[in-house]
């Protein structure tokens, strides 16, 4: 597999490291950010192949990050996979309406399932 680059935007350091390690084992290049602002800057500068985005973030929440990504010509085509603990239907609908590729609830997916979902999206 060619070296796809994944940006993980997650403020929980344990989860960030776990997903980074899992993706690196699957031969992905990994970029990380632990605030929404940092995630947006890295996305604009590095143009990753996919963004794994939490919603509950310091400085700028995931909804704002997603909105900025999708209204910017340089980043609007980067697929965004939302991975969060927010399970409310209005959050899911809002993210999908903003342009997220998919919405996963952390508690419902193990890391290998998230990696499979990432591979499915990149294969499209």
PDB file of N, CA and C in Angstrom:
ATOM      1  N   UNK A   1       0.857  -1.201   0.000  1.00  0.00           N
ATOM      2  CA  UNK A   1       0.000   0.000   0.000  1.00  0.00           C
ATOM      3  C   UNK A   1       0.886   1.242   0.000  1.00  0.00           C
ATOM      4  N   UNK A   2       0.515   2.212  -0.809  1.00  0.00           N
ATOM      5  CA  UNK A   2       1.307   3.438  -0.808  1.00  0.00           C
ATOM      6  C   UNK A   2       1.134   4.124   0.543  1.00  0.00           C
ATOM      7  N   UNK A   3       2.027   5.020   0.847  1.00  0.00           N
ATOM      8  CA  UNK A   3       2.035   5.649   2.159  1.00  0.00           C
ATOM      9  C   UNK A   3       0.988   6.755   2.236  1.00  0.00           C
ATOM     10  N   UNK A   4      -0.208   6.397   2.662  1.00  0.00           N
ATOM     11  CA  UNK A   4      -1.233   7.406   2.933  1.00  0.00           C
ATOM     12  C   UNK A   4      -0.886   8.093   4.236  1.00  0.00           C
ATOM     13  N   UNK A   5      -1.207   9.400   4.303  1.00  0.00           N
ATOM     14  CA  UNK A   5      -0.970  10.140   5.543  1.00  0.00           C
ATOM     15  C   UNK A   5      -2.298  10.452   6.211  1.00  0.00           C
ATOM     16  N   UNK A   6      -2.374  10.107   7.482  1.00  0.00           N
ATOM     17  CA  UNK A   6      -3.581  10.312   8.268  1.00  0.00           C
ATOM     18  C   UNK A   6      -3.275  11.345   9.347  1.00  0.00           C
ATOM     19  N   UNK A   7      -4.134  12.341   9.461  1.00  0.00           N
ATOM     20  CA  UNK A   7      -4.028  13.316  10.550  1.00  0.00           C
ATOM     21  C   UNK A   7      -5.031  12.919  11.623  1.00  0.00           C
ATOM     22  N   UNK A   8      -4.536  12.689  12.839  1.00  0.00           N
ATOM     23  CA  UNK A   8      -5.411  12.366  13.970  1.00  0.00           C
ATOM     24  C   UNK A   8      -5.516  13.627  14.829  1.00  0.00           C
ATOM     25  N   UNK A   9      -6.742  14.108  15.018  1.00  0.00           N
ATOM     26  CA  UNK A   9      -6.978  15.277  15.870  1.00  0.00           C
ATOM     27  C   UNK A   9      -7.764  14.777  17.081  1.00  0.00           C
ATOM     28  N   UNK A  10      -7.074  14.658  18.210  1.00  0.00           N
ATOM     29  CA  UNK A  10      -7.621  14.013  19.401  1.00  0.00           C
ATOM     30  C   UNK A  10      -6.928  14.592  20.622  1.00  0.00           C
ATOM     31  N   UNK A  11      -7.706  15.051  21.623  1.00  0.00           N
ATOM     32  CA  UNK A  11      -7.081  15.660  22.799  1.00  0.00           C
ATOM     33  C   UNK A  11      -6.742  14.650  23.897  1.00  0.00           C
ATOM     34  N   UNK A  12      -7.249  13.433  23.809  1.00  0.00           N
ATOM     35  CA  UNK A  12      -6.917  12.394  24.780  1.00  0.00           C
ATOM     36  C   UNK A  12      -5.602  11.747  24.341  1.00  0.00           C
ATOM     37  N   UNK A  13      -4.540  12.006  25.104  1.00  0.00           N
ATOM     38  CA  UNK A  13      -3.208  11.574  24.701  1.00  0.00           C
ATOM     39  C   UNK A  13      -3.105  10.052  24.547  1.00  0.00           C
ATOM     40  N   UNK A  14      -3.766   9.318  25.432  1.00  0.00           N
ATOM     41  CA  UNK A  14      -3.736   7.860  25.348  1.00  0.00           C
ATOM     42  C   UNK A  14      -4.335   7.386  24.026  1.00  0.00           C
ATOM     43  N   UNK A  15      -5.514   7.907  23.689  1.00  0.00           N
ATOM     44  CA  UNK A  15      -6.166   7.516  22.430  1.00  0.00           C
ATOM     45  C   UNK A  15      -5.353   7.960  21.225  1.00  0.00           C
ATOM     46  N   UNK A  16      -4.801   9.161  21.307  1.00  0.00           N
ATOM     47  CA  UNK A  16      -3.988   9.687  20.209  1.00  0.00           C
ATOM     48  C   UNK A  16      -2.810   8.747  19.929  1.00  0.00           C
ATOM     49  N   UNK A  17      -2.100   8.363  20.989  1.00  0.00           N
ATOM     50  CA  UNK A  17      -0.943   7.475  20.821  1.00  0.00           C
ATOM     51  C   UNK A  17      -1.365   6.082  20.345  1.00  0.00           C
ATOM     52  N   UNK A  18      -2.488   5.592  20.868  1.00  0.00           N
ATOM     53  CA  UNK A  18      -2.958   4.263  20.490  1.00  0.00           C
ATOM     54  C   UNK A  18      -3.311   4.213  19.001  1.00  0.00           C
ATOM     55  N   UNK A  19      -4.086   5.203  18.535  1.00  0.00           N
ATOM     56  CA  UNK A  19      -4.457   5.222  17.119  1.00  0.00           C
ATOM     57  C   UNK A  19      -3.245   5.483  16.225  1.00  0.00           C
ATOM     58  N   UNK A  20      -2.342   6.332  16.674  1.00  0.00           N
ATOM     59  CA  UNK A  20      -1.130   6.602  15.894  1.00  0.00           C
ATOM     60  C   UNK A  20      -0.323   5.310  15.734  1.00  0.00           C
ATOM     61  N   UNK A  21      -0.143   4.563  16.829  1.00  0.00           N
ATOM     62  CA  UNK A  21       0.630   3.324  16.777  1.00  0.00           C
ATOM     63  C   UNK A  21      -0.058   2.298  15.873  1.00  0.00           C
ATOM     64  N   UNK A  22      -1.364   2.187  16.008  1.00  0.00           N
ATOM     65  CA  UNK A  22      -2.131   1.225  15.210  1.00  0.00           C
ATOM     66  C   UNK A  22      -2.011   1.548  13.715  1.00  0.00           C
ATOM     67  N   UNK A  23      -2.132   2.818  13.368  1.00  0.00           N
ATOM     68  CA  UNK A  23      -2.044   3.222  11.961  1.00  0.00           C
ATOM     69  C   UNK A  23      -0.625   3.047  11.416  1.00  0.00           C
ATOM     70  N   UNK A  24       0.375   3.347  12.242  1.00  0.00           N
ATOM     71  CA  UNK A  24       1.762   3.166  11.799  1.00  0.00           C
ATOM     72  C   UNK A  24       2.050   1.691  11.534  1.00  0.00           C
ATOM     73  N   UNK A  25       1.502   0.801  12.360  1.00  0.00           N
ATOM     74  CA  UNK A  25       1.659  -0.641  12.139  1.00  0.00           C
ATOM     75  C   UNK A  25       1.044  -1.068  10.809  1.00  0.00           C
ATOM     76  N   UNK A  26       0.021  -0.334  10.369  1.00  0.00           N
ATOM     77  CA  UNK A  26      -0.650  -0.633   9.103  1.00  0.00           C
ATOM     78  C   UNK A  26       0.001   0.117   7.934  1.00  0.00           C
ATOM     79  N   UNK A  27       1.170   0.709   8.203  1.00  0.00           N
ATOM     80  CA  UNK A  27       1.975   1.377   7.183  1.00  0.00           C
ATOM     81  C   UNK A  27       1.410   2.722   6.719  1.00  0.00           C
ATOM     82  N   UNK A  28       0.667   3.376   7.589  1.00  0.00           N
ATOM     83  CA  UNK A  28       0.211   4.737   7.290  1.00  0.00           C
ATOM     84  C   UNK A  28       1.217   5.724   7.859  1.00  0.00           C
ATOM     85  N   UNK A  29       1.353   6.866   7.174  1.00  0.00           N
ATOM     86  CA  UNK A  29       2.076   7.979   7.766  1.00  0.00           C
ATOM     87  C   UNK A  29       1.099   8.675   8.702  1.00  0.00           C
ATOM     88  N   UNK A  30       1.553   9.108   9.875  1.00  0.00           N
ATOM     89  CA  UNK A  30       0.641   9.677  10.865  1.00  0.00           C
ATOM     90  C   UNK A  30       1.094  11.071  11.278  1.00  0.00           C
ATOM     91  N   UNK A  31       0.156  11.997  11.237  1.00  0.00           N
ATOM     92  CA  UNK A  31       0.348  13.345  11.784  1.00  0.00           C
ATOM     93  C   UNK A  31      -0.613  13.449  12.960  1.00  0.00           C
ATOM     94  N   UNK A  32      -0.230  14.178  14.004  1.00  0.00           N
ATOM     95  CA  UNK A  32      -1.122  14.281  15.164  1.00  0.00           C
ATOM     96  C   UNK A  32      -1.280  15.732  15.614  1.00  0.00           C
ATOM     97  N   UNK A  33      -2.449  15.993  16.200  1.00  0.00           N
ATOM     98  CA  UNK A  33      -2.739  17.299  16.790  1.00  0.00           C
ATOM     99  C   UNK A  33      -3.633  17.054  17.995  1.00  0.00           C
ATOM    100  N   UNK A  34      -3.437  17.834  19.067  1.00  0.00           N
ATOM    101  CA  UNK A  34      -4.295  17.637  20.233  1.00  0.00           C
ATOM    102  C   UNK A  34      -5.196  18.825  20.541  1.00  0.00           C
ATOM    103  N   UNK A  35      -5.264  19.779  19.608  1.00  0.00           N
ATOM    104  CA  UNK A  35      -6.263  20.850  19.713  1.00  0.00           C
ATOM    105  C   UNK A  35      -6.873  21.052  18.326  1.00  0.00           C
ATOM    106  N   UNK A  36      -8.060  21.621  18.299  1.00  0.00           N
ATOM    107  CA  UNK A  36      -8.708  21.888  17.024  1.00  0.00           C
ATOM    108  C   UNK A  36      -7.914  22.861  16.163  1.00  0.00           C
ATOM    109  N   UNK A  37      -7.378  23.899  16.794  1.00  0.00           N
ATOM    110  CA  UNK A  37      -6.611  24.911  16.071  1.00  0.00           C
ATOM    111  C   UNK A  37      -5.378  24.292  15.415  1.00  0.00           C
ATOM    112  N   UNK A  38      -4.666  23.482  16.196  1.00  0.00           N
ATOM    113  CA  UNK A  38      -3.466  22.818  15.685  1.00  0.00           C
ATOM    114  C   UNK A  38      -3.836  21.866  14.546  1.00  0.00           C
ATOM    115  N   UNK A  39      -4.931  21.127  14.709  1.00  0.00           N
ATOM    116  CA  UNK A  39      -5.371  20.195  13.678  1.00  0.00           C
ATOM    117  C   UNK A  39      -5.662  20.894  12.365  1.00  0.00           C
ATOM    118  N   UNK A  40      -6.344  22.034  12.448  1.00  0.00           N
ATOM    119  CA  UNK A  40      -6.686  22.796  11.247  1.00  0.00           C
ATOM    120  C   UNK A  40      -5.418  23.301  10.554  1.00  0.00           C
ATOM    121  N   UNK A  41      -4.471  23.822  11.349  1.00  0.00           N
ATOM    122  CA  UNK A  41      -3.212  24.327  10.774  1.00  0.00           C
ATOM    123  C   UNK A  41      -2.447  23.210  10.064  1.00  0.00           C
ATOM    124  N   UNK A  42      -2.346  22.051  10.708  1.00  0.00           N
ATOM    125  CA  UNK A  42      -1.610  20.932  10.114  1.00  0.00           C
ATOM    126  C   UNK A  42      -2.312  20.481   8.831  1.00  0.00           C
ATOM    127  N   UNK A  43      -3.645  20.407   8.855  1.00  0.00           N
ATOM    128  CA  UNK A  43      -4.399  19.982   7.664  1.00  0.00           C
ATOM    129  C   UNK A  43      -4.143  20.934   6.501  1.00  0.00           C
ATOM    130  N   UNK A  44      -4.149  22.245   6.788  1.00  0.00           N
ATOM    131  CA  UNK A  44      -3.957  23.236   5.730  1.00  0.00           C
ATOM    132  C   UNK A  44      -2.539  23.195   5.176  1.00  0.00           C
ATOM    133  N   UNK A  45      -1.580  22.880   6.037  1.00  0.00           N
ATOM    134  CA  UNK A  45      -0.183  22.869   5.613  1.00  0.00           C
ATOM    135  C   UNK A  45       0.214  21.545   4.957  1.00  0.00           C
ATOM    136  N   UNK A  46      -0.270  20.431   5.488  1.00  0.00           N
ATOM    137  CA  UNK A  46       0.230  19.110   5.079  1.00  0.00           C
ATOM    138  C   UNK A  46      -0.680  18.343   4.129  1.00  0.00           C
ATOM    139  N   UNK A  47      -1.937  18.763   4.003  1.00  0.00           N
ATOM    140  CA  UNK A  47      -2.900  18.074   3.133  1.00  0.00           C
ATOM    141  C   UNK A  47      -2.861  16.556   3.297  1.00  0.00           C
ATOM    142  N   UNK A  48      -3.249  16.051   4.483  1.00  0.00           N
ATOM    143  CA  UNK A  48      -3.253  14.596   4.683  1.00  0.00           C
ATOM    144  C   UNK A  48      -4.291  13.936   3.780  1.00  0.00           C
ATOM    145  N   UNK A  49      -4.186  12.609   3.637  1.00  0.00           N
ATOM    146  CA  UNK A  49      -5.127  11.872   2.791  1.00  0.00           C
ATOM    147  C   UNK A  49      -6.471  11.651   3.485  1.00  0.00           C
ATOM    148  N   UNK A  50      -6.460  11.690   4.823  1.00  0.00           N
ATOM    149  CA  UNK A  50      -7.688  11.545   5.598  1.00  0.00           C
ATOM    150  C   UNK A  50      -7.461  12.152   6.969  1.00  0.00           C
ATOM    151  N   UNK A  51      -8.533  12.675   7.568  1.00  0.00           N
ATOM    152  CA  UNK A  51      -8.447  13.248   8.918  1.00  0.00           C
ATOM    153  C   UNK A  51      -9.381  12.459   9.832  1.00  0.00           C
ATOM    154  N   UNK A  52      -8.825  11.988  10.938  1.00  0.00           N
ATOM    155  CA  UNK A  52      -9.597  11.335  11.990  1.00  0.00           C
ATOM    156  C   UNK A  52      -9.829  12.412  13.043  1.00  0.00           C
ATOM    157  N   UNK A  53     -11.079  12.824  13.223  1.00  0.00           N
ATOM    158  CA  UNK A  53     -11.378  14.035  13.993  1.00  0.00           C
ATOM    159  C   UNK A  53     -12.286  13.767  15.182  1.00  0.00           C
ATOM    160  N   UNK A  54     -11.811  14.144  16.370  1.00  0.00           N
ATOM    161  CA  UNK A  54     -12.657  14.133  17.566  1.00  0.00           C
ATOM    162  C   UNK A  54     -13.473  15.432  17.564  1.00  0.00           C
ATOM    163  N   UNK A  55     -14.602  15.441  18.260  1.00  0.00           N
ATOM    164  CA  UNK A  55     -15.407  16.669  18.325  1.00  0.00           C
ATOM    165  C   UNK A  55     -15.112  17.484  19.581  1.00  0.00           C
ATOM    166  N   UNK A  56     -14.802  16.796  20.671  1.00  0.00           N
ATOM    167  CA  UNK A  56     -14.575  17.468  21.946  1.00  0.00           C
ATOM    168  C   UNK A  56     -13.099  17.847  22.053  1.00  0.00           C
ATOM    169  N   UNK A  57     -12.779  19.058  21.570  1.00  0.00           N
ATOM    170  CA  UNK A  57     -11.387  19.495  21.502  1.00  0.00           C
ATOM    171  C   UNK A  57     -11.208  20.858  22.149  1.00  0.00           C
ATOM    172  N   UNK A  58     -10.024  21.112  22.717  1.00  0.00           N
ATOM    173  CA  UNK A  58      -9.747  22.464  23.229  1.00  0.00           C
ATOM    174  C   UNK A  58      -9.511  23.458  22.091  1.00  0.00           C
ATOM    175  N   UNK A  59      -9.671  24.727  22.383  1.00  0.00           N
ATOM    176  CA  UNK A  59      -9.446  25.877  21.484  1.00  0.00           C
ATOM    177  C   UNK A  59     -10.517  26.006  20.405  1.00  0.00           C
ATOM    178  N   UNK A  60     -10.757  24.942  19.642  1.00  0.00           N
ATOM    179  CA  UNK A  60     -11.746  24.974  18.569  1.00  0.00           C
ATOM    180  C   UNK A  60     -12.328  23.567  18.503  1.00  0.00           C
ATOM    181  N   UNK A  61     -13.656  23.438  18.629  1.00  0.00           N
ATOM    182  CA  UNK A  61     -14.207  22.080  18.635  1.00  0.00           C
ATOM    183  C   UNK A  61     -14.212  21.462  17.239  1.00  0.00           C
ATOM    184  N   UNK A  62     -14.494  20.173  17.185  1.00  0.00           N
ATOM    185  CA  UNK A  62     -14.444  19.444  15.933  1.00  0.00           C
ATOM    186  C   UNK A  62     -15.432  19.943  14.896  1.00  0.00           C
ATOM    187  N   UNK A  63     -16.584  20.456  15.358  1.00  0.00           N
ATOM    188  CA  UNK A  63     -17.565  21.011  14.405  1.00  0.00           C
ATOM    189  C   UNK A  63     -16.963  22.201  13.656  1.00  0.00           C
ATOM    190  N   UNK A  64     -16.292  23.075  14.419  1.00  0.00           N
ATOM    191  CA  UNK A  64     -15.655  24.258  13.802  1.00  0.00           C
ATOM    192  C   UNK A  64     -14.536  23.836  12.849  1.00  0.00           C
ATOM    193  N   UNK A  65     -13.718  22.877  13.291  1.00  0.00           N
ATOM    194  CA  UNK A  65     -12.621  22.390  12.451  1.00  0.00           C
ATOM    195  C   UNK A  65     -13.190  21.851  11.138  1.00  0.00           C
ATOM    196  N   UNK A  66     -14.217  21.002  11.256  1.00  0.00           N
ATOM    197  CA  UNK A  66     -14.838  20.406  10.073  1.00  0.00           C
ATOM    198  C   UNK A  66     -15.400  21.485   9.150  1.00  0.00           C
ATOM    199  N   UNK A  67     -16.077  22.464   9.722  1.00  0.00           N
ATOM    200  CA  UNK A  67     -16.634  23.564   8.930  1.00  0.00           C
ATOM    201  C   UNK A  67     -15.552  24.319   8.166  1.00  0.00           C
ATOM    202  N   UNK A  68     -14.452  24.653   8.872  1.00  0.00           N
ATOM    203  CA  UNK A  68     -13.345  25.374   8.222  1.00  0.00           C
ATOM    204  C   UNK A  68     -12.713  24.540   7.119  1.00  0.00           C
ATOM    205  N   UNK A  69     -12.529  23.238   7.389  1.00  0.00           N
ATOM    206  CA  UNK A  69     -11.920  22.361   6.376  1.00  0.00           C
ATOM    207  C   UNK A  69     -12.766  22.324   5.115  1.00  0.00           C
ATOM    208  N   UNK A  70     -14.082  22.204   5.288  1.00  0.00           N
ATOM    209  CA  UNK A  70     -14.963  21.997   4.138  1.00  0.00           C
ATOM    210  C   UNK A  70     -15.272  23.282   3.378  1.00  0.00           C
ATOM    211  N   UNK A  71     -15.029  24.453   4.003  1.00  0.00           N
ATOM    212  CA  UNK A  71     -15.265  25.697   3.255  1.00  0.00           C
ATOM    213  C   UNK A  71     -13.994  26.250   2.624  1.00  0.00           C
ATOM    214  N   UNK A  72     -12.864  25.567   2.835  1.00  0.00           N
ATOM    215  CA  UNK A  72     -11.588  25.999   2.270  1.00  0.00           C
ATOM    216  C   UNK A  72     -11.284  25.141   1.038  1.00  0.00           C
ATOM    217  N   UNK A  73     -11.055  25.784  -0.105  1.00  0.00           N
ATOM    218  CA  UNK A  73     -10.802  25.054  -1.350  1.00  0.00           C
ATOM    219  C   UNK A  73      -9.627  24.077  -1.248  1.00  0.00           C
ATOM    220  N   UNK A  74      -8.618  24.431  -0.459  1.00  0.00           N
ATOM    221  CA  UNK A  74      -7.431  23.576  -0.345  1.00  0.00           C
ATOM    222  C   UNK A  74      -7.688  22.294   0.443  1.00  0.00           C
ATOM    223  N   UNK A  75      -8.675  22.325   1.346  1.00  0.00           N
ATOM    224  CA  UNK A  75      -8.872  21.172   2.243  1.00  0.00           C
ATOM    225  C   UNK A  75     -10.253  20.532   2.110  1.00  0.00           C
ATOM    226  N   UNK A  76     -11.122  21.100   1.280  1.00  0.00           N
ATOM    227  CA  UNK A  76     -12.510  20.613   1.257  1.00  0.00           C
ATOM    228  C   UNK A  76     -12.657  19.184   0.746  1.00  0.00           C
ATOM    229  N   UNK A  77     -11.674  18.691  -0.027  1.00  0.00           N
ATOM    230  CA  UNK A  77     -11.777  17.334  -0.567  1.00  0.00           C
ATOM    231  C   UNK A  77     -11.092  16.273   0.294  1.00  0.00           C
ATOM    232  N   UNK A  78     -10.513  16.677   1.414  1.00  0.00           N
ATOM    233  CA  UNK A  78      -9.891  15.698   2.316  1.00  0.00           C
ATOM    234  C   UNK A  78     -11.024  14.990   3.077  1.00  0.00           C
ATOM    235  N   UNK A  79     -11.101  13.651   2.978  1.00  0.00           N
ATOM    236  CA  UNK A  79     -12.155  12.962   3.734  1.00  0.00           C
ATOM    237  C   UNK A  79     -11.923  13.099   5.241  1.00  0.00           C
ATOM    238  N   UNK A  80     -13.006  13.359   5.971  1.00  0.00           N
ATOM    239  CA  UNK A  80     -12.932  13.492   7.425  1.00  0.00           C
ATOM    240  C   UNK A  80     -13.792  12.395   8.045  1.00  0.00           C
ATOM    241  N   UNK A  81     -13.169  11.598   8.911  1.00  0.00           N
ATOM    242  CA  UNK A  81     -13.861  10.555   9.654  1.00  0.00           C
ATOM    243  C   UNK A  81     -13.966  11.044  11.090  1.00  0.00           C
ATOM    244  N   UNK A  82     -15.185  11.304  11.539  1.00  0.00           N
ATOM    245  CA  UNK A  82     -15.393  11.782  12.904  1.00  0.00           C
ATOM    246  C   UNK A  82     -15.369  10.580  13.842  1.00  0.00           C
ATOM    247  N   UNK A  83     -14.562  10.668  14.893  1.00  0.00           N
ATOM    248  CA  UNK A  83     -14.464   9.617  15.912  1.00  0.00           C
ATOM    249  C   UNK A  83     -14.632  10.294  17.264  1.00  0.00           C
ATOM    250  N   UNK A  84     -15.776  10.069  17.898  1.00  0.00           N
ATOM    251  CA  UNK A  84     -16.104  10.832  19.087  1.00  0.00           C
ATOM    252  C   UNK A  84     -16.946  10.009  20.053  1.00  0.00           C
ATOM    253  N   UNK A  85     -17.154  10.543  21.248  1.00  0.00           N
ATOM    254  CA  UNK A  85     -18.067   9.896  22.199  1.00  0.00           C
ATOM    255  C   UNK A  85     -19.463  10.484  22.128  1.00  0.00           C
ATOM    256  N   UNK A  86     -19.636  11.572  21.362  1.00  0.00           N
ATOM    257  CA  UNK A  86     -20.973  12.171  21.236  1.00  0.00           C
ATOM    258  C   UNK A  86     -21.857  11.258  20.396  1.00  0.00           C
ATOM    259  N   UNK A  87     -22.910  10.724  20.989  1.00  0.00           N
ATOM    260  CA  UNK A  87     -23.765   9.773  20.281  1.00  0.00           C
ATOM    261  C   UNK A  87     -25.110  10.384  19.875  1.00  0.00           C
ATOM    262  N   UNK A  88     -25.321  11.683  20.154  1.00  0.00           N
ATOM    263  CA  UNK A  88     -26.600  12.313  19.855  1.00  0.00           C
ATOM    264  C   UNK A  88     -26.820  12.440  18.355  1.00  0.00           C
ATOM    265  N   UNK A  89     -28.037  12.137  17.937  1.00  0.00           N
ATOM    266  CA  UNK A  89     -28.377  12.181  16.523  1.00  0.00           C
ATOM    267  C   UNK A  89     -28.087  13.555  15.915  1.00  0.00           C
ATOM    268  N   UNK A  90     -28.356  14.634  16.662  1.00  0.00           N
ATOM    269  CA  UNK A  90     -28.119  15.970  16.085  1.00  0.00           C
ATOM    270  C   UNK A  90     -26.642  16.218  15.804  1.00  0.00           C
ATOM    271  N   UNK A  91     -25.748  15.639  16.626  1.00  0.00           N
ATOM    272  CA  UNK A  91     -24.309  15.764  16.355  1.00  0.00           C
ATOM    273  C   UNK A  91     -23.935  15.002  15.090  1.00  0.00           C
ATOM    274  N   UNK A  92     -24.477  13.796  14.960  1.00  0.00           N
ATOM    275  CA  UNK A  92     -24.197  12.964  13.784  1.00  0.00           C
ATOM    276  C   UNK A  92     -24.683  13.680  12.523  1.00  0.00           C
ATOM    277  N   UNK A  93     -25.937  14.137  12.554  1.00  0.00           N
ATOM    278  CA  UNK A  93     -26.514  14.829  11.390  1.00  0.00           C
ATOM    279  C   UNK A  93     -25.719  16.081  11.040  1.00  0.00           C
ATOM    280  N   UNK A  94     -25.341  16.840  12.072  1.00  0.00           N
ATOM    281  CA  UNK A  94     -24.593  18.079  11.834  1.00  0.00           C
ATOM    282  C   UNK A  94     -23.260  17.794  11.144  1.00  0.00           C
ATOM    283  N   UNK A  95     -22.562  16.772  11.606  1.00  0.00           N
ATOM    284  CA  UNK A  95     -21.262  16.431  11.002  1.00  0.00           C
ATOM    285  C   UNK A  95     -21.428  15.952   9.567  1.00  0.00           C
ATOM    286  N   UNK A  96     -22.415  15.098   9.339  1.00  0.00           N
ATOM    287  CA  UNK A  96     -22.615  14.595   7.974  1.00  0.00           C
ATOM    288  C   UNK A  96     -23.044  15.730   7.048  1.00  0.00           C
ATOM    289  N   UNK A  97     -23.866  16.649   7.566  1.00  0.00           N
ATOM    290  CA  UNK A  97     -24.275  17.810   6.758  1.00  0.00           C
ATOM    291  C   UNK A  97     -23.103  18.747   6.472  1.00  0.00           C
ATOM    292  N   UNK A  98     -22.156  18.833   7.403  1.00  0.00           N
ATOM    293  CA  UNK A  98     -20.965  19.666   7.191  1.00  0.00           C
ATOM    294  C   UNK A  98     -20.001  19.024   6.197  1.00  0.00           C
ATOM    295  N   UNK A  99     -20.197  17.733   5.921  1.00  0.00           N
ATOM    296  CA  UNK A  99     -19.354  17.090   4.917  1.00  0.00           C
ATOM    297  C   UNK A  99     -18.480  15.962   5.421  1.00  0.00           C
ATOM    298  N   UNK A 100     -18.678  15.514   6.667  1.00  0.00           N
ATOM    299  CA  UNK A 100     -17.891  14.376   7.158  1.00  0.00           C
ATOM    300  C   UNK A 100     -18.213  13.142   6.332  1.00  0.00           C
ATOM    301  N   UNK A 101     -17.209  12.336   6.113  1.00  0.00           N
ATOM    302  CA  UNK A 101     -17.350  11.099   5.336  1.00  0.00           C
ATOM    303  C   UNK A 101     -18.167  10.072   6.112  1.00  0.00           C
ATOM    304  N   UNK A 102     -17.888   9.994   7.424  1.00  0.00           N
ATOM    305  CA  UNK A 102     -18.607   9.064   8.286  1.00  0.00           C
ATOM    306  C   UNK A 102     -18.452   9.521   9.725  1.00  0.00           C
ATOM    307  N   UNK A 103     -19.213   8.881  10.628  1.00  0.00           N
ATOM    308  CA  UNK A 103     -19.271   9.277  12.026  1.00  0.00           C
ATOM    309  C   UNK A 103     -19.221   8.013  12.865  1.00  0.00           C
ATOM    310  N   UNK A 104     -18.164   7.851  13.648  1.00  0.00           N
ATOM    311  CA  UNK A 104     -18.032   6.680  14.501  1.00  0.00           C
ATOM    312  C   UNK A 104     -18.052   7.095  15.964  1.00  0.00           C
ATOM    313  N   UNK A 105     -18.741   6.312  16.780  1.00  0.00           N
ATOM    314  CA  UNK A 105     -18.786   6.573  18.220  1.00  0.00           C
ATOM    315  C   UNK A 105     -17.714   5.693  18.869  1.00  0.00           C
ATOM    316  N   UNK A 106     -16.785   6.338  19.578  1.00  0.00           N
ATOM    317  CA  UNK A 106     -15.610   5.640  20.115  1.00  0.00           C
ATOM    318  C   UNK A 106     -15.964   4.350  20.843  1.00  0.00           C
ATOM    319  N   UNK A 107     -16.974   4.413  21.677  1.00  0.00           N
ATOM    320  CA  UNK A 107     -17.317   3.254  22.510  1.00  0.00           C
ATOM    321  C   UNK A 107     -17.806   2.059  21.694  1.00  0.00           C
ATOM    322  N   UNK A 108     -18.218   2.287  20.454  1.00  0.00           N
ATOM    323  CA  UNK A 108     -18.798   1.225  19.631  1.00  0.00           C
ATOM    324  C   UNK A 108     -17.797   0.560  18.685  1.00  0.00           C
ATOM    325  N   UNK A 109     -16.572   1.081  18.623  1.00  0.00           N
ATOM    326  CA  UNK A 109     -15.600   0.575  17.653  1.00  0.00           C
ATOM    327  C   UNK A 109     -14.253   0.329  18.309  1.00  0.00           C
ATOM    328  N   UNK A 110     -13.650  -0.820  18.004  1.00  0.00           N
ATOM    329  CA  UNK A 110     -12.280  -1.065  18.450  1.00  0.00           C
ATOM    330  C   UNK A 110     -11.348  -0.487  17.386  1.00  0.00           C
ATOM    331  N   UNK A 111     -10.092  -0.204  17.743  1.00  0.00           N
ATOM    332  CA  UNK A 111      -9.179   0.430  16.782  1.00  0.00           C
ATOM    333  C   UNK A 111      -9.075  -0.284  15.439  1.00  0.00           C
ATOM    334  N   UNK A 112      -9.082  -1.610  15.436  1.00  0.00           N
ATOM    335  CA  UNK A 112      -8.951  -2.318  14.150  1.00  0.00           C
ATOM    336  C   UNK A 112     -10.143  -2.033  13.235  1.00  0.00           C
ATOM    337  N   UNK A 113     -11.327  -1.832  13.821  1.00  0.00           N
ATOM    338  CA  UNK A 113     -12.506  -1.488  13.015  1.00  0.00           C
ATOM    339  C   UNK A 113     -12.378  -0.072  12.451  1.00  0.00           C
ATOM    340  N   UNK A 114     -11.806   0.822  13.239  1.00  0.00           N
ATOM    341  CA  UNK A 114     -11.587   2.194  12.770  1.00  0.00           C
ATOM    342  C   UNK A 114     -10.586   2.182  11.608  1.00  0.00           C
ATOM    343  N   UNK A 115      -9.525   1.388  11.740  1.00  0.00           N
ATOM    344  CA  UNK A 115      -8.533   1.275  10.663  1.00  0.00           C
ATOM    345  C   UNK A 115      -9.193   0.710   9.400  1.00  0.00           C
ATOM    346  N   UNK A 116     -10.048  -0.284   9.551  1.00  0.00           N
ATOM    347  CA  UNK A 116     -10.762  -0.843   8.392  1.00  0.00           C
ATOM    348  C   UNK A 116     -11.617   0.211   7.708  1.00  0.00           C
ATOM    349  N   UNK A 117     -12.292   1.031   8.511  1.00  0.00           N
ATOM    350  CA  UNK A 117     -13.131   2.105   7.979  1.00  0.00           C
ATOM    351  C   UNK A 117     -12.273   3.112   7.212  1.00  0.00           C
ATOM    352  N   UNK A 118     -11.103   3.448   7.760  1.00  0.00           N
ATOM    353  CA  UNK A 118     -10.179   4.371   7.089  1.00  0.00           C
ATOM    354  C   UNK A 118      -9.765   3.797   5.725  1.00  0.00           C
ATOM    355  N   UNK A 119      -9.423   2.506   5.698  1.00  0.00           N
ATOM    356  CA  UNK A 119      -9.010   1.869   4.460  1.00  0.00           C
ATOM    357  C   UNK A 119     -10.156   1.879   3.441  1.00  0.00           C
ATOM    358  N   UNK A 120     -11.380   1.631   3.919  1.00  0.00           N
ATOM    359  CA  UNK A 120     -12.553   1.654   3.017  1.00  0.00           C
ATOM    360  C   UNK A 120     -12.712   3.036   2.379  1.00  0.00           C
ATOM    361  N   UNK A 121     -12.596   4.077   3.187  1.00  0.00           N
ATOM    362  CA  UNK A 121     -12.767   5.446   2.684  1.00  0.00           C
ATOM    363  C   UNK A 121     -11.663   5.773   1.670  1.00  0.00           C
ATOM    364  N   UNK A 122     -10.420   5.408   1.978  1.00  0.00           N
ATOM    365  CA  UNK A 122      -9.305   5.720   1.083  1.00  0.00           C
ATOM    366  C   UNK A 122      -9.377   4.926  -0.218  1.00  0.00           C
ATOM    367  N   UNK A 123     -10.039   3.782  -0.192  1.00  0.00           N
ATOM    368  CA  UNK A 123     -10.143   2.942  -1.377  1.00  0.00           C
ATOM    369  C   UNK A 123     -11.178   3.486  -2.371  1.00  0.00           C
ATOM    370  N   UNK A 124     -12.028   4.413  -1.944  1.00  0.00           N
ATOM    371  CA  UNK A 124     -13.091   4.937  -2.819  1.00  0.00           C
ATOM    372  C   UNK A 124     -12.534   5.773  -3.941  1.00  0.00           C
TER     373      UNK A 124
END
